[in-house]
Protein backbone atom coordinates (compact mmCIF):
# COMPACT_ATOMS: atom_id res chain seq x y z
CA MET A 1 0.00 0.00 0.00
CA PRO A 2 1.47 3.38 -0.97
CA LYS A 3 2.21 5.87 1.79
CA ILE A 4 -0.56 8.41 2.33
CA PRO A 5 0.98 11.88 2.54
CA ALA A 6 0.13 13.94 5.61
CA PRO A 7 -2.17 16.91 5.11
CA ALA A 8 -0.46 20.26 4.59
CA LYS A 9 0.71 22.34 7.51
CA LEU A 10 0.42 19.75 10.29
CA GLY A 11 2.54 20.35 13.37
CA ALA A 12 5.21 17.87 14.45
CA LYS A 13 3.07 15.89 16.93
CA ALA A 14 0.08 15.71 14.58
CA ARG A 15 2.30 14.67 11.67
CA ARG A 16 3.81 11.89 13.82
CA VAL A 17 0.33 10.58 14.68
CA TRP A 18 -0.72 10.72 11.00
CA GLU A 19 2.41 8.91 9.83
CA GLU A 20 2.23 6.19 12.51
CA LEU A 21 -1.44 5.47 11.97
CA THR A 22 -1.39 5.52 8.17
CA ALA A 23 1.68 3.28 8.19
CA ASP A 24 -0.02 0.71 10.43
CA TYR A 25 -3.65 0.81 9.26
CA GLU A 26 -5.70 1.12 6.11
CA PHE A 27 -8.33 3.85 6.11
CA ARG A 28 -11.31 4.57 3.88
CA ALA A 29 -11.65 8.13 2.54
CA ASP A 30 -14.18 9.08 5.23
CA GLU A 31 -11.91 7.69 7.94
CA LEU A 32 -8.96 9.64 6.57
CA ARG A 33 -11.08 12.78 6.98
CA VAL A 34 -11.74 11.89 10.63
CA LEU A 35 -8.03 11.23 11.13
CA GLU A 36 -7.19 14.59 9.55
CA ASP A 37 -9.69 16.30 11.85
CA ALA A 38 -8.05 14.55 14.83
CA CYS A 39 -4.63 15.74 13.70
CA ARG A 40 -5.91 19.30 13.31
CA GLU A 41 -7.32 19.06 16.85
CA ILE A 42 -3.88 17.95 18.07
CA ASP A 43 -2.39 21.07 16.50
CA LEU A 44 -5.07 23.31 17.99
CA ILE A 45 -4.56 21.78 21.45
CA GLU A 46 -0.81 22.34 21.13
CA ARG A 47 -1.40 26.02 20.29
CA LEU A 48 -3.85 26.49 23.15
CA GLU A 49 -1.43 24.82 25.57
CA ARG A 50 1.37 27.18 24.47
CA GLU A 51 -0.90 30.19 25.05
CA GLN A 52 -2.06 28.90 28.42
CA ARG A 53 1.43 28.02 29.65
CA ASP A 54 2.21 31.57 30.81
CA ALA A 55 -1.37 32.75 31.31
CA PRO A 56 -3.26 32.71 34.61
CA LEU A 57 -5.56 29.77 35.29
CA VAL A 58 -8.09 32.06 36.96
CA VAL A 59 -9.24 35.39 35.52
CA GLU A 60 -11.78 38.02 36.50
CA GLY A 61 -15.33 37.33 35.30
CA SER A 62 -17.90 39.87 34.09
CA GLN A 63 -19.06 40.54 37.66
CA GLY A 64 -15.52 40.76 39.03
CA GLN A 65 -15.63 37.20 40.35
CA PRO A 66 -12.77 34.74 39.82
CA VAL A 67 -13.49 32.29 36.98
CA ALA A 68 -11.49 29.67 35.12
CA SER A 69 -9.59 31.07 32.19
CA PRO A 70 -11.44 30.64 28.89
CA LEU A 71 -8.33 28.87 27.56
CA VAL A 72 -8.67 26.20 30.25
CA GLN A 73 -12.26 25.60 29.20
CA GLU A 74 -11.31 25.50 25.51
CA LEU A 75 -8.54 23.01 26.17
CA ARG A 76 -10.95 20.72 28.01
CA GLN A 77 -13.46 20.90 25.16
CA HIS A 78 -10.90 20.29 22.43
CA ARG A 79 -9.42 17.34 24.30
CA ALA A 80 -12.91 15.84 24.49
CA VAL A 81 -13.37 16.37 20.74
CA LEU A 82 -10.02 14.69 20.08
CA SER A 83 -11.02 11.72 22.21
CA ARG A 84 -14.31 11.35 20.32
CA LEU A 85 -12.55 11.55 16.94
CA PHE A 86 -10.14 8.77 17.88
CA ALA A 87 -12.99 6.72 19.32
CA ALA A 88 -14.82 7.10 15.99
CA LEU A 89 -11.88 5.42 14.24
CA LYS A 90 -12.26 2.35 16.51
CA LEU A 91 -8.56 1.58 16.53
CA PRO A 92 -7.39 -1.47 18.51
CA ASP A 93 -5.64 -1.10 21.88
CA GLU A 94 -2.17 -1.61 20.53
CA ALA A 95 -2.60 1.32 18.14
CA PRO A 96 0.09 4.02 18.15
CA GLY A 97 -2.64 6.49 19.12
CA GLU A 98 -3.37 4.57 22.33
CA SER A 99 -1.67 7.17 24.50
CA LEU A 100 -4.18 9.67 23.14
CA GLY A 101 -7.09 7.84 24.73
CA VAL A 102 -8.02 5.30 22.08
CA SER A 103 -9.39 2.07 23.54
CA PRO A 104 -12.12 -0.36 22.47
CA GLN A 105 -14.88 -1.25 24.93
CA SER A 106 -14.23 -4.98 25.28
CA SER A 107 -12.13 -7.96 24.26
CA ALA A 108 -14.66 -8.66 21.53
CA GLY A 109 -14.34 -5.08 20.32
CA ARG A 110 -10.56 -5.37 20.28
CA ALA A 111 -10.74 -8.59 18.29
CA LEU A 112 -13.10 -7.09 15.71
CA ALA A 113 -11.07 -3.91 15.42
CA SER A 114 -7.84 -5.86 15.11
CA ALA A 115 -9.26 -8.03 12.34
CA ARG A 116 -10.47 -4.94 10.50
CA TRP A 117 -7.43 -2.72 10.85
CA HIS A 118 -4.39 -4.93 10.68
CA ARG A 119 -3.10 -5.22 7.17
CA GLY A 120 -3.23 -8.69 5.78
CA ALA A 121 -5.48 -9.91 8.58
């Protein structure tokens, strides 16, 4: 199977995820779109984390009350989106993306996913 080039302008971490997953698994066109969206989320999370690194975790709200920084809330939401995107791909446990929260629901799910995703299986 020919190598699938990474989408343009991916950051280093997102490009690594793309390259590892496309090297290990075959994807349909719609799944490649989900994978690209996941990689774009990785890049967005990286940017938000850089911005938040030196910013306060608590800021003043509209009534002068202390509230969580909007960046903290955005990070939480984008991490949840990333998790859902990877879950939608239904990759098996031993997938390179496992550290990003990908895990099937059961042994049966792992077996089905493994049979589907491993090349030559």
